[in-house]
Each structure stands twice: as structure tokens, then as C-alpha cells.
């Protein structure tokens, strides 16, 4: 049986489900939109029902736009990464007031750092009350996206759908794209259990009396290790790049709206100030010295393996908030940290693992907190019949990526909220001519050799994409920075001036698969202003940096 495509709900009675649960809700049948309806109210397909997809959907409905459907591959409901990760201690790695969208109700969480179950319940509430369960298609895997004429065709596991616009909220933080250490020998010989952090349950009985080895030291390890330490026989963290760790105490969220807003402004101002140094490694030492003084020199000393390497930029990798007692557990000896950068993991043994130096770490359970292959998707993209790479998404017509222009320390729901203002503005003025939301020609060009990510003291590649993994050395030409060194306050100002550019299909004489952009301004003045500020900020330091290599 064929599955009906998306339709325009404007002026029509909205279908409602009869079930109140998030799973198994009756899916409404829809009618194909007419060509005249496309001019008035084009359809929107949102891919992904994680917190970014929910933000986009709730924002559309708040703006009075009803003509959208959310496609979610998982059949177990909304929440994305919060639904799929349930390891002990799981929670936000930034404060709630700066994490959740501002147009949604204030949460009633136990502290400024939310637990996983609190965020998941909040997502379910947003889906039911601020989006509407009838807007979702659960268990619907998108296989291919094809653009032709003036609309997208979605080939899914539930049939074929049509939409004028795609809002791409599908991330690679899922079990399909886990990152596992390469070149580790004898895995089959290990007598214990090896799990990725996404496969870990929250029941502490699973960890009682076990020797636990956690590979990686990001937010997952900082939350997981101190939570299981009281019941485990031993906890060892094998880290590569040690993040800067800031100790925080949990405090109750303010009940008054104005005080909650004030908290949010303070947190956002802090994040924007730190972001100013992401593209200015020549003077980043000012921030680094302050962080060292506040978080290390004025506190009880830590073992060398638990300290960032000398000269490491603060945001070389995502900074960690320690609100569950990681630092105190290290000082008390309940958690041991091993420098995997100096002594990397080489092989498994029946009783644990062995490092390059020959040192053996005994373990009954190995937890791979090694992250994900960011940027990977398992969806095929076709534009006018030609297969395109997902890296070319900025040249896809009527294709909106709500995390475009995010700083390194990305807070997805808030960046999505910022960008949705721009999307709605374009949607309301849509005249059936396909557009490019963020054409590459209009984007600012930031000098990569200013970036802290290319500092010789930054060994992490967390924020770098498209590197040549087969090469022994990496040059800046082989790498692309994921994120921009611009505070969100500046980015929001730029979005106010951002305008889409009309897209047209390839014409005579153009290569197969190419898309051309109609005549228009060669660049956006506001965007180029950011690049000028970036250059001025760096030139003020009086330092000129060359293209560098890093091992």
C-alpha cells in the first residue's frame, strides 16, 4: 500500500491521534499539496526528533506554521541522544538556562545541571504539548533525499513523501556511528565485557565489584567515573587529550522568571567571551592562564596525568564541568587517570589491556567513551538526479541545517533557535523558487592558521573534519574546522542580515551534478564584517602565524 505524502494543513482541520503515548501513536494520513498551495504555504520535513528537531518543530508551531512533519528513525519516541544514552551519571555538560530554548517553558529541574531522565521527560513534554504527537512519524528511516523541480522527495522505510523544505536535524551521535579505537589487537582474547558508552545501562548493580576501564575522558567519562566509583572495585580512565575541568556545585534553579533569565545571560556572556579566543591563538594564553590559576593553581594539586598538557588551548577539546566529584575522586584515589597520549593502548589481554610501554591495566569491563564519527550519515542525497556528497549540503536547494554557524562550544538547541528565526523569515516570503540558505559564496572566510585547533599544543581532532587518516602527518589544508570562532551574540546579528540566494538547476554547458546560483551580490556585507573583525582581532596581537603541521 502506498503511503501518502506531506500536505498543507493551513485552513484544514488538523488530524489528532487518539493515543496519548509517544510510541505507537496513530499516524495521520495526509493529502498531496497542490501547486498553488506550494506558493502560499510550502511543506517542511524535519529529520530527527532529538532536542534539536524538537526545537525546530516547536518553533514552527509557535510561529503559527502547521505544515510540517517530523521523521524519526527510532520507534521508541523522542529525545535523540538523551533517549539513547542511559549510563550512570548521564546529564547535561552545560548549565540548563543556557541549554534549553528560550521560547519554551522554564523547567523544574533539581539543579542547573539536569539529569538525563529530566531532559528526556522535558523532551517528551515538548513533543506532546508544544509540537503535537500527530506531527511525528516514528520508526520511519529516511533512506534517500532527492531534489527535483521545486521539491524534495523522501524515500523512507514507510514509503515516499514530498516536501518543499528539509530541516536536517539528524546527528551522528548514535550507535551506528560510534568511534572505536583503531589498531587494538587481540580484542577477542579479552575475558571481560567491552561496551561503548551508548550501550551502558544506569543500574549500578552492573558495575558493582568490577574493575572498570574507561577509554576516553570527555563529558561521558567525567560523569560516569565518579558515579560508579563507590560501587566498583577500581576505576581507571585512559585519556588521550585531558580537557580543562571546572568544578561546579549543584544549586537549585531560580523560581522567578527574571532571575532565571539573568542566569542565562551570565552563562551566555561567559561562553561568548571564551569563544572570542577560539580564532585568536596568538593571545589565547590570557584565557588559559586565568583558567590555570582558577581551576588548578588555587586548588588541591592533581596528578600530572589528570592535567592538560602545557600550552593546550582551553577549547582544544570540549571543556568539562565537574559537578559529580571527578576531581575529588581522583585526589582520594578512587579514580586513577592514565596518560594514553604518552602511553597509548596497544592490545587486549585475557585480564585487561596492555599499553605501548608494556604496562598492563586489569579490567573486567571496558567502557569505550570515545565519541562518534561526527558528520557521518547513512542517507543518500540526489540533486537533479545526480548523487551528491553530504559535505556539499550548503549547495542543496531548500535544505536547511539549523546548526550552521555554531561556535566550537556548541549548544545545539540554542543555535537551532537562533537559526530558525531566519528559516521562518525565508519561509514566509517563499515564492516557489528554490533557494540556498547559507551559500558558500556568502560565508565569511576565517583564517585557519589563527585557530586554536591548529596550535602545536592541541592534539585533539574533536572539532576537525575531512582529515586524511591515511597520511602520517596532517596539514591545515587537509583539515576543516567544525564550527566558527564567533560568539553567538555576533552570529545572531549576522543572521538578521542574512538573505538566501535563488538556486537554479544546471544549464547547458555545465558539468553533470553542478548547480548554479543566480546573479546577486558577491558577498554578504554582514558576513564579511565578521571576517574583518577576525583579522583585526588577530593583527592587534602583532603575531603572524604560518601554515603549520601537527603530528
Protein backbone atom coordinates (compact mmCIF):
# COMPACT_ATOMS: atom_id res chain seq x y z
CA UNK A 1 0.00 0.00 0.00
CA UNK A 2 1.26 3.45 -0.84
CA UNK A 3 1.93 5.96 1.92
CA UNK A 4 0.51 9.41 1.43
CA UNK A 5 2.94 12.35 1.27
CA UNK A 6 3.05 15.55 3.29
CA UNK A 7 0.31 18.11 2.80
CA UNK A 8 -0.68 21.63 3.70
CA UNK A 9 -2.60 21.85 6.96
CA UNK A 10 -3.26 25.57 6.68
CA UNK A 11 -7.02 26.16 6.74
CA UNK A 12 -7.69 22.45 7.24
CA UNK A 13 -8.66 20.53 10.33
CA UNK A 14 -5.57 19.08 11.95
CA UNK A 15 -5.62 15.31 12.39
CA UNK A 16 -5.28 14.26 16.02
CA UNK A 17 -4.13 10.95 17.44
CA UNK A 18 -6.29 9.00 19.85
CA UNK A 19 -3.36 7.64 21.83
CA UNK A 20 -1.50 9.69 24.43
CA UNK A 21 1.75 7.74 24.44
CA UNK A 22 4.79 8.73 22.42
CA UNK A 23 5.16 5.28 20.92
CA UNK A 24 2.75 3.58 18.60
CA UNK A 25 0.61 6.66 18.11
CA UNK A 26 -1.75 6.53 15.15
CA UNK A 27 -0.10 8.16 12.15
CA UNK A 28 -2.37 10.58 10.25
CA UNK A 29 -2.93 10.08 6.52
CA UNK A 30 -2.24 13.18 4.51
CA UNK A 31 -3.03 14.56 1.09
CA UNK A 32 -0.61 15.77 -1.52
CA UNK A 33 -0.32 19.54 -1.65
CA UNK A 34 -1.36 21.34 -4.83
CA UNK A 35 0.99 23.55 -6.82
CA UNK A 36 -0.93 26.65 -5.72
CA UNK A 37 -0.66 25.62 -2.08
CA UNK A 38 3.12 25.48 -2.53
CA UNK A 39 3.17 29.22 -3.17
CA UNK A 40 1.19 30.00 -0.02
CA UNK A 41 2.49 27.52 2.50
CA UNK A 42 5.23 25.10 1.43
CA UNK A 43 5.61 21.85 3.30
CA UNK A 44 8.50 21.21 5.69
CA UNK A 45 10.09 17.89 6.64
CA UNK A 46 12.13 17.82 9.84
CA UNK A 47 14.56 14.90 10.04
CA UNK A 48 15.22 13.79 13.60
CA UNK A 49 13.26 14.06 16.85
CA UNK A 50 16.15 14.79 19.17
CA UNK A 51 16.27 18.01 21.11
CA UNK A 52 17.32 19.98 18.00
CA UNK A 53 14.47 18.57 15.92
CA UNK A 54 12.01 19.27 18.74
CA UNK A 55 13.29 22.84 18.97
CA UNK A 56 12.75 23.36 15.25
CA UNK A 57 9.27 21.80 15.31
CA UNK A 58 8.12 23.70 18.42
CA UNK A 59 9.43 26.95 16.95
CA UNK A 60 7.46 26.46 13.73
CA UNK A 61 4.27 25.78 15.66
CA UNK A 62 4.82 28.79 17.92
CA UNK A 63 5.10 30.90 14.76
CA UNK A 64 1.76 29.54 13.55
CA UNK A 65 3.27 27.27 10.89
CA UNK A 66 1.47 23.93 10.92
CA UNK A 67 2.60 22.38 7.66
CA UNK A 68 5.44 20.15 8.86
CA UNK A 69 6.14 16.55 9.78
CA UNK A 70 8.96 15.17 11.97
CA UNK A 71 10.56 11.94 10.78
CA UNK A 72 12.22 9.85 13.48
CA UNK A 73 14.02 6.60 12.69
CA UNK A 74 13.75 5.24 16.21
CA UNK A 75 10.40 3.77 17.15
CA UNK A 76 10.82 4.37 20.88
CA UNK A 77 9.91 8.04 20.91
CA UNK A 78 11.66 11.39 21.01
CA UNK A 79 14.82 12.56 22.73
CA UNK A 80 17.63 11.50 20.39
CA UNK A 81 20.86 11.23 22.31
CA UNK A 82 19.03 11.65 25.63
CA UNK A 83 16.85 8.67 24.79
CA UNK A 84 19.76 6.50 23.65
CA UNK A 85 22.25 7.22 26.46
CA UNK A 86 21.48 5.99 29.96
CA UNK A 87 24.87 5.41 31.57
CA UNK A 88 25.21 6.19 35.30
CA UNK A 89 25.53 9.92 35.93
CA UNK A 90 24.35 10.97 32.45
CA UNK A 91 23.35 14.62 32.33
CA UNK A 92 23.95 17.96 30.66
CA UNK A 93 27.52 19.16 30.19
CA UNK A 94 26.47 22.80 30.40
CA UNK A 95 24.01 24.75 32.52
CA UNK A 96 20.31 24.31 31.77
CA UNK A 97 19.48 28.05 31.38
CA UNK A 98 21.97 28.30 28.52
CA UNK A 99 20.97 24.93 27.05
CA UNK A 100 17.20 24.87 26.61
CA UNK A 101 15.41 27.12 24.09
CA UNK A 102 14.19 30.42 25.49
CA UNK A 103 10.69 30.24 23.98
CA UNK A 104 9.81 27.00 25.80
CA UNK A 105 8.71 26.93 29.45
CA UNK A 106 11.23 27.06 32.25
CA UNK A 107 12.00 23.57 33.54
CA UNK A 108 11.51 22.35 37.08
CA UNK A 109 14.84 20.53 37.34
CA UNK A 110 16.65 19.73 40.56
CA UNK A 111 19.68 21.90 39.72
CA UNK A 112 21.34 23.92 36.97
CA UNK A 113 22.82 20.65 35.64
CA UNK A 114 19.98 18.38 34.53
CA UNK A 115 19.95 14.63 34.80
CA UNK A 116 19.31 12.52 31.74
CA UNK A 117 15.83 11.47 32.89
CA UNK A 118 14.86 15.11 33.48
CA UNK A 119 15.91 16.18 29.97
CA UNK A 120 14.17 13.17 28.43
CA UNK A 121 10.93 13.93 30.29
CA UNK A 122 11.21 17.54 29.15
CA UNK A 123 11.61 16.40 25.52
CA UNK A 124 8.53 14.20 25.83
CA UNK A 125 6.55 17.11 27.26
CA UNK A 126 7.62 19.39 24.40
CA UNK A 127 6.66 16.73 21.83
CA UNK A 128 3.21 16.21 23.33
CA UNK A 129 2.26 19.77 24.31
CA UNK A 130 4.23 22.13 22.06
CA UNK A 131 4.57 20.11 18.86
CA UNK A 132 1.76 17.56 18.85
CA UNK A 133 2.16 13.81 18.55
CA UNK A 134 0.28 13.81 15.26
CA UNK A 135 3.26 15.63 13.74
CA UNK A 136 5.62 12.66 14.20
CA UNK A 137 6.32 9.54 12.19
CA UNK A 138 8.21 7.19 14.49
CA UNK A 139 10.14 4.20 13.16
CA UNK A 140 10.47 5.96 9.80
CA UNK A 141 14.01 5.70 8.47
CA UNK A 142 14.95 8.14 5.70
CA UNK A 143 16.97 6.26 3.07
CA UNK A 144 17.43 8.89 0.37
CA UNK A 145 16.62 12.54 -0.29
CA UNK A 146 16.04 13.57 -3.92
CA UNK A 147 15.51 17.12 -5.13
CA UNK A 148 13.87 17.72 -8.47
CA UNK A 149 11.75 20.55 -9.82
CA UNK A 150 10.75 22.54 -6.77
CA UNK A 151 10.51 19.90 -4.05
CA UNK A 152 12.29 17.15 -2.16
CA UNK A 153 11.25 13.53 -2.34
CA UNK A 154 11.94 11.45 0.75
CA UNK A 155 12.44 7.72 0.25
CA UNK A 156 11.76 6.15 3.63
CA UNK A 157 11.09 2.79 5.23
CA UNK A 158 7.41 3.77 5.35
CA UNK A 159 7.11 4.87 1.76
CA UNK A 160 7.67 8.00 -0.29
CA UNK A 161 6.94 11.54 0.91
CA UNK A 162 7.27 15.00 -0.60
CA UNK A 163 8.25 18.32 0.94
CA UNK A 164 9.38 21.71 -0.28
CA UNK A 165 11.91 22.19 2.53
CA UNK A 166 14.17 19.90 4.56
CA UNK A 167 15.30 20.84 8.08
CA UNK A 168 18.18 18.47 8.75
CA UNK A 169 18.34 17.69 12.48
CA UNK A 170 19.93 14.26 12.16
CA UNK A 171 23.23 13.96 14.02
CA UNK A 172 25.69 11.08 14.06
CA UNK A 173 25.54 10.65 17.84
CA UNK A 174 24.03 7.19 17.66
CA UNK A 175 25.10 3.58 17.93
CA UNK A 176 25.54 3.38 14.15
CA UNK A 177 28.41 5.87 14.18
CA UNK A 178 30.35 5.08 17.35
CA UNK A 179 34.06 5.76 17.24
CA UNK A 180 36.21 2.86 18.38
CA UNK A 181 39.98 2.88 18.86
CA UNK A 182 41.77 1.63 15.76
CA UNK A 183 44.59 -0.87 15.66
CA UNK A 184 43.92 -2.51 19.05
CA UNK A 185 44.97 -6.15 18.79
CA UNK A 186 43.54 -9.31 20.37
CA UNK A 187 40.10 -7.95 21.24
CA UNK A 188 38.64 -11.46 21.04
CA UNK A 189 41.02 -12.65 23.76
CA UNK A 190 39.60 -10.28 26.39
CA UNK A 191 37.79 -12.23 29.10
CA UNK A 192 35.57 -9.36 30.22
CA UNK A 193 32.98 -7.15 28.54
CA UNK A 194 33.64 -4.32 26.07
CA UNK A 195 30.87 -1.74 25.65
CA UNK A 196 30.52 1.64 24.07
CA UNK A 197 29.09 4.19 26.49
CA UNK A 198 25.86 4.24 24.47
CA UNK A 199 25.37 0.57 25.40
CA UNK A 200 25.74 1.08 29.16
CA UNK A 201 22.75 0.89 31.49
CA UNK A 202 22.11 3.04 34.55
CA UNK A 203 21.75 0.19 37.07
CA UNK A 204 24.76 0.40 39.39
CA UNK A 205 24.48 -3.32 40.11
CA UNK A 206 26.07 -3.91 36.68
CA UNK A 207 29.25 -2.21 37.91
CA UNK A 208 29.43 -3.48 41.48
CA UNK A 209 32.74 -5.09 42.39
CA UNK A 210 34.19 -4.76 38.89
CA UNK A 211 37.47 -3.34 37.68
CA UNK A 212 36.34 -0.72 35.19
CA UNK A 213 38.50 0.82 32.48
CA UNK A 214 37.05 3.87 30.73
CA UNK A 215 38.75 4.77 27.45
CA UNK A 216 38.33 8.49 26.80
CA UNK A 217 37.94 11.50 29.06
CA UNK A 218 35.17 13.68 27.71
CA UNK A 219 31.91 14.60 29.41
CA UNK A 220 30.83 10.94 29.50
CA UNK A 221 33.88 9.83 31.50
CA UNK A 222 33.70 12.85 33.82
CA UNK A 223 30.10 11.88 34.69
CA UNK A 224 30.37 8.09 34.59
CA UNK A 225 33.59 7.54 36.56
CA UNK A 226 32.63 9.26 39.86
CA UNK A 227 29.14 7.74 39.76
CA UNK A 228 30.32 4.12 39.56
CA UNK A 229 33.43 4.60 41.73
CA UNK A 230 31.61 3.98 45.06
CA UNK A 231 30.45 0.50 43.96
CA UNK A 232 33.27 -0.57 41.62
CA UNK A 233 36.38 -2.41 42.71
CA UNK A 234 38.51 0.09 40.79
CA UNK A 235 38.00 2.77 38.11
CA UNK A 236 40.74 3.72 35.64
CA UNK A 237 40.40 6.40 32.98
CA UNK A 238 42.70 6.08 29.96
CA UNK A 239 42.67 9.51 28.36
CA UNK A 240 44.23 10.99 25.24
CA UNK A 241 43.53 14.73 25.46
CA UNK A 242 42.77 15.86 29.01
CA UNK A 243 40.09 18.58 28.99
CA UNK A 244 40.19 21.62 31.22
CA UNK A 245 37.94 20.74 34.14
CA UNK A 246 35.95 23.28 36.12
CA UNK A 247 34.46 22.19 39.44
CA UNK A 248 30.86 23.26 39.93
CA UNK A 249 28.42 22.79 42.79
CA UNK A 250 24.81 21.99 42.08
CA UNK A 251 22.35 24.70 43.06
CA UNK A 252 18.60 24.89 42.67
CA UNK A 253 17.24 26.71 39.65
CA UNK A 254 15.65 30.08 40.46
CA UNK A 255 11.87 30.10 40.51
CA UNK A 256 11.49 33.73 39.46
CA UNK A 257 11.47 34.25 35.72
CA UNK A 258 13.65 37.38 35.79
CA UNK A 259 16.33 35.65 37.89
CA UNK A 260 16.34 32.60 35.61
CA UNK A 261 16.80 34.94 32.63
CA UNK A 262 19.64 36.72 34.41
CA UNK A 263 21.38 33.39 34.97
CA UNK A 264 21.02 32.60 31.29
CA UNK A 265 22.55 35.93 30.27
CA UNK A 266 25.52 35.40 32.58
CA UNK A 267 26.19 31.91 31.22
CA UNK A 268 25.86 33.09 27.62
CA UNK A 269 28.19 36.04 28.24
CA UNK A 270 30.78 33.65 29.68
CA UNK A 271 30.52 31.31 26.69
CA UNK A 272 30.74 34.19 24.21
CA UNK A 273 33.80 35.62 25.95
CA UNK A 274 35.62 32.29 25.79
CA UNK A 275 34.63 31.87 22.13
CA UNK A 276 36.39 35.15 21.31
CA UNK A 277 39.70 33.33 21.78
CA UNK A 278 38.85 30.33 19.55
CA UNK A 279 40.16 32.14 16.48
CA UNK A 280 42.99 34.02 18.20
CA UNK A 281 45.53 31.51 19.43
CA UNK A 282 48.22 34.17 19.50
CA UNK A 283 46.61 35.75 22.57
CA UNK A 284 44.69 32.74 23.87
CA UNK A 285 47.28 32.42 26.63
CA UNK A 286 45.43 35.20 28.51
CA UNK A 287 42.38 32.96 28.91
CA UNK A 288 44.50 29.88 29.55
CA UNK A 289 46.47 31.48 32.37
CA UNK A 290 43.27 32.58 34.09
CA UNK A 291 41.79 29.08 33.86
CA UNK A 292 45.01 27.54 35.19
CA UNK A 293 45.03 29.94 38.13
CA UNK A 294 41.36 29.43 39.00
CA UNK A 295 40.99 25.69 38.44
CA UNK A 296 44.45 24.28 39.15
CA UNK A 297 46.87 26.54 41.00
CA UNK A 298 44.36 27.62 43.67
CA UNK A 299 43.05 24.10 44.24
CA UNK A 300 44.49 20.87 45.60
CA UNK A 301 47.15 19.51 43.22
CA UNK A 302 46.24 16.81 40.75
CA UNK A 303 48.43 14.03 39.32
CA UNK A 304 50.23 15.03 36.14
CA UNK A 305 48.12 12.62 34.07
CA UNK A 306 44.99 14.50 35.18
CA UNK A 307 46.22 17.88 33.95
CA UNK A 308 46.02 19.32 30.42
CA UNK A 309 49.32 19.40 28.60
CA UNK A 310 51.33 22.65 28.86
CA UNK A 311 50.20 25.18 26.27
CA UNK A 312 46.99 23.29 25.43
CA UNK A 313 44.26 25.80 24.44
CA UNK A 314 41.22 25.85 26.71
CA UNK A 315 38.81 24.80 23.95
CA UNK A 316 41.15 22.45 22.12
CA UNK A 317 38.58 19.86 23.20
CA UNK A 318 35.23 20.45 24.89
CA UNK A 319 35.78 21.80 28.38
CA UNK A 320 34.27 19.73 31.20
CA UNK A 321 32.12 20.75 34.16
CA UNK A 322 32.78 18.52 37.15
CA UNK A 323 29.66 18.54 39.29
CA UNK A 324 29.65 14.85 40.32
CA UNK A 325 33.02 14.71 42.09
CA UNK A 326 35.50 13.51 39.46
CA UNK A 327 38.34 15.68 40.77
CA UNK A 328 37.82 14.74 44.42
CA UNK A 329 37.64 11.04 43.50
CA UNK A 330 41.00 11.35 41.71
CA UNK A 331 42.57 13.04 44.74
CA UNK A 332 41.13 10.37 47.07
CA UNK A 333 42.48 7.58 44.86
CA UNK A 334 39.08 6.20 43.89
CA UNK A 335 39.76 7.08 40.25
CA UNK A 336 43.13 6.74 38.55
CA UNK A 337 43.95 8.54 35.31
CA UNK A 338 46.47 7.20 32.79
CA UNK A 339 48.00 9.33 30.03
CA UNK A 340 47.08 7.48 26.86
CA UNK A 341 48.74 10.12 24.72
CA UNK A 342 52.17 9.25 26.09
CA UNK A 343 51.42 5.55 26.57
CA UNK A 344 48.68 4.52 24.13
CA UNK A 345 46.55 1.40 24.19
CA UNK A 346 48.06 -1.38 22.09
CA UNK A 347 46.28 -4.69 22.74
CA UNK A 348 43.76 -6.58 24.83
CA UNK A 349 44.75 -9.42 27.12
CA UNK A 350 42.54 -12.02 28.85
CA UNK A 351 42.65 -9.89 32.03
CA UNK A 352 42.62 -6.36 30.63
CA UNK A 353 44.68 -4.28 28.24
CA UNK A 354 48.35 -3.63 27.62
CA UNK A 355 49.85 -0.23 26.77
CA UNK A 356 52.71 0.61 24.43
CA UNK A 357 55.17 0.65 27.35
CA UNK A 358 54.18 -2.90 28.30
CA UNK A 359 52.18 -1.75 31.32
CA UNK A 360 49.07 -3.85 31.88
CA UNK A 361 45.78 -2.44 33.15
CA UNK A 362 43.50 -5.11 34.56
CA UNK A 363 39.79 -4.79 33.88
CA UNK A 364 36.54 -6.73 33.92
CA UNK A 365 34.62 -4.08 31.98
CA UNK A 366 35.99 -1.76 29.29
CA UNK A 367 33.78 1.24 28.52
CA UNK A 368 34.62 3.00 25.25
CA UNK A 369 33.75 6.65 25.89
CA UNK A 370 35.38 7.52 22.58
CA UNK A 371 32.62 9.54 20.97
CA UNK A 372 31.19 9.31 17.50
CA UNK A 373 32.12 9.81 13.86
CA UNK A 374 30.73 13.32 13.71
CA UNK A 375 29.39 14.33 10.32
CA UNK A 376 28.56 10.84 9.07
CA UNK A 377 25.05 10.00 7.88
CA UNK A 378 23.57 6.97 6.15
CA UNK A 379 21.31 8.94 3.82
CA UNK A 380 21.91 9.32 0.07
CA UNK A 381 21.47 12.79 -1.44
CA UNK A 382 20.43 13.45 -5.04
CA UNK A 383 20.03 16.86 -6.68
CA UNK A 384 18.50 16.86 -10.16
CA UNK A 385 19.30 13.16 -10.44
CA UNK A 386 22.99 13.48 -9.52
CA UNK A 387 24.36 11.79 -6.40
CA UNK A 388 25.87 14.42 -4.11
CA UNK A 389 28.06 14.25 -1.04
CA UNK A 390 26.63 15.41 2.29
CA UNK A 391 29.61 17.76 2.62
CA UNK A 392 28.02 19.80 -0.20
CA UNK A 393 24.85 20.42 1.81
CA UNK A 394 25.29 24.20 1.69
CA UNK A 395 24.64 23.92 -2.07
CA UNK A 396 21.47 21.86 -1.70
CA UNK A 397 18.35 23.87 -2.59
CA UNK A 398 15.71 24.35 0.11
CA UNK A 399 17.93 22.42 2.54
CA UNK A 400 18.29 23.97 5.99
CA UNK A 401 20.88 22.94 8.55
CA UNK A 402 19.85 24.54 11.88
CA UNK A 403 23.33 24.26 13.45
CA UNK A 404 25.08 26.28 10.73
CA UNK A 405 27.40 28.92 12.11
CA UNK A 406 27.79 27.25 15.51
CA UNK A 407 30.81 28.09 17.68
CA UNK A 408 33.15 25.32 18.85
CA UNK A 409 31.39 25.02 22.22
CA UNK A 410 28.08 24.22 20.52
CA UNK A 411 24.80 24.23 22.41
CA UNK A 412 22.53 22.72 19.72
CA UNK A 413 19.06 23.77 20.96
CA UNK A 414 20.10 27.42 21.33
CA UNK A 415 21.89 27.60 17.97
CA UNK A 416 18.84 25.96 16.36
CA UNK A 417 16.57 28.57 17.93
CA UNK A 418 18.75 31.38 16.55
CA UNK A 419 18.73 29.95 13.03
CA UNK A 420 15.01 29.15 12.99
CA UNK A 421 14.23 32.87 13.05
CA UNK A 422 16.00 33.10 9.70
CA UNK A 423 14.26 30.00 8.35
CA UNK A 424 10.80 31.31 9.21
CA UNK A 425 11.59 34.64 7.58
CA UNK A 426 12.53 32.86 4.36
CA UNK A 427 9.55 30.51 4.57
CA UNK A 428 7.05 33.34 4.80
CA UNK A 429 8.46 35.06 1.73
CA UNK A 430 8.87 31.88 -0.32
CA UNK A 431 7.75 32.25 -3.92
CA UNK A 432 8.27 28.68 -5.22
CA UNK A 433 11.81 29.41 -6.42
CA UNK A 434 14.33 27.10 -4.67
CA UNK A 435 16.87 28.91 -2.52
CA UNK A 436 20.22 28.35 -0.83
CA UNK A 437 20.06 29.32 2.84
CA UNK A 438 23.79 29.56 3.50
CA UNK A 439 25.53 29.74 0.11
CA UNK A 440 29.31 29.23 0.44
CA UNK A 441 29.97 32.40 -1.56
CA UNK A 442 28.33 34.49 1.17
CA UNK A 443 30.05 32.92 4.15
CA UNK A 444 32.93 34.60 5.98
CA UNK A 445 36.39 33.21 5.44
CA UNK A 446 38.24 32.74 8.71
CA UNK A 447 41.97 32.11 8.58
CA UNK A 448 42.58 28.62 9.84
CA UNK A 449 46.08 29.41 10.99
CA UNK A 450 44.56 31.75 13.61
CA UNK A 451 42.51 28.90 15.07
CA UNK A 452 43.45 27.36 18.41
CA UNK A 453 42.77 23.96 16.82
CA UNK A 454 45.96 24.28 14.78
CA UNK A 455 48.12 25.14 17.74
CA UNK A 456 51.06 22.70 18.05
CA UNK A 457 49.87 22.09 21.62
CA UNK A 458 46.39 20.91 20.59
CA UNK A 459 46.46 17.15 20.00
CA UNK A 460 42.69 16.71 19.76
CA UNK A 461 40.86 16.49 16.44
CA UNK A 462 37.41 16.64 18.01
CA UNK A 463 36.40 19.71 16.02
CA UNK A 464 38.24 18.86 12.79
CA UNK A 465 36.67 17.22 9.76
CA UNK A 466 37.84 15.71 6.47
CA UNK A 467 41.36 14.88 7.62
CA UNK A 468 43.40 12.39 5.63
CA UNK A 469 43.58 9.49 8.05
CA UNK A 470 45.93 7.59 5.74
CA UNK A 471 48.63 10.27 5.95
CA UNK A 472 51.32 10.22 8.65
CA UNK A 473 51.15 14.00 9.11
CA UNK A 474 48.32 16.48 8.82
CA UNK A 475 48.50 19.93 7.26
CA UNK A 476 45.89 22.65 7.69
CA UNK A 477 44.98 22.22 4.02
CA UNK A 478 43.78 18.69 4.78
CA UNK A 479 41.54 19.72 7.68
CA UNK A 480 38.33 21.65 8.09
CA UNK A 481 37.27 23.32 11.31
CA UNK A 482 33.87 22.25 12.60
CA UNK A 483 32.44 25.50 13.98
CA UNK A 484 33.36 29.18 13.70
CA UNK A 485 35.32 31.40 16.11
CA UNK A 486 32.44 33.85 16.53
CA UNK A 487 30.34 34.36 19.68
CA UNK A 488 26.66 33.58 19.33
CA UNK A 489 25.79 37.22 20.02
CA UNK A 490 27.64 38.23 16.83
CA UNK A 491 26.19 35.31 14.86
CA UNK A 492 22.64 36.33 15.78
CA UNK A 493 23.32 39.83 14.48
CA UNK A 494 24.63 38.41 11.20
CA UNK A 495 21.54 36.20 10.79
CA UNK A 496 19.37 39.31 10.87
CA UNK A 497 21.08 40.47 7.67
CA UNK A 498 21.45 37.04 6.09
CA UNK A 499 19.47 36.55 2.88
CA UNK A 500 19.09 33.39 0.80
CA UNK A 501 20.12 33.25 -2.82
CA UNK A 502 17.98 31.85 -5.57
CA UNK A 503 19.04 28.45 -6.88
CA UNK A 504 18.55 27.12 -10.37
CA UNK A 505 19.36 23.71 -11.85
CA UNK A 506 22.32 23.08 -14.08
CA UNK A 507 22.13 24.56 -17.52
CA UNK A 508 23.70 23.93 -20.87
CA UNK A 509 27.46 23.57 -20.74
CA UNK A 510 27.58 22.91 -17.01
CA UNK A 511 29.03 19.72 -15.64
CA UNK A 512 26.69 16.95 -14.54
CA UNK A 513 25.57 17.41 -10.96
CA UNK A 514 26.51 21.09 -10.76
CA UNK A 515 24.12 23.73 -9.52
CA UNK A 516 24.41 27.39 -10.39
CA UNK A 517 23.48 30.41 -8.35
CA UNK A 518 21.64 33.28 -9.93
CA UNK A 519 23.28 36.64 -10.22
CA UNK A 520 23.46 38.56 -6.99
CA UNK A 521 25.86 40.26 -4.62
CA UNK A 522 29.20 38.51 -4.50
CA UNK A 523 29.16 38.53 -0.71
CA UNK A 524 27.05 39.47 2.24
CA UNK A 525 28.38 42.62 3.92
CA UNK A 526 27.48 41.47 7.40
CA UNK A 527 29.23 38.13 6.88
CA UNK A 528 32.37 39.77 5.58
CA UNK A 529 32.31 42.10 8.58
CA UNK A 530 32.87 39.06 10.79
CA UNK A 531 35.90 38.03 8.77
CA UNK A 532 37.31 41.57 9.02
CA UNK A 533 36.82 41.56 12.79
CA UNK A 534 38.55 38.19 12.96
CA UNK A 535 41.58 39.54 11.10
CA UNK A 536 41.69 42.75 13.14
CA UNK A 537 41.46 40.83 16.42
CA UNK A 538 44.49 38.78 15.46
CA UNK A 539 46.54 41.59 13.91
CA UNK A 540 46.21 43.57 17.14
CA UNK A 541 48.40 40.95 18.80
CA UNK A 542 51.21 41.66 16.35
CA UNK A 543 51.79 37.98 15.60
CA UNK A 544 51.65 36.43 12.12
CA UNK A 545 51.19 32.68 12.00
CA UNK A 546 52.32 30.37 9.23
CA UNK A 547 50.57 27.28 7.96
CA UNK A 548 51.66 24.61 10.44
CA UNK A 549 51.90 20.87 10.56
CA UNK A 550 50.84 18.82 13.52
CA UNK A 551 51.65 15.23 14.26
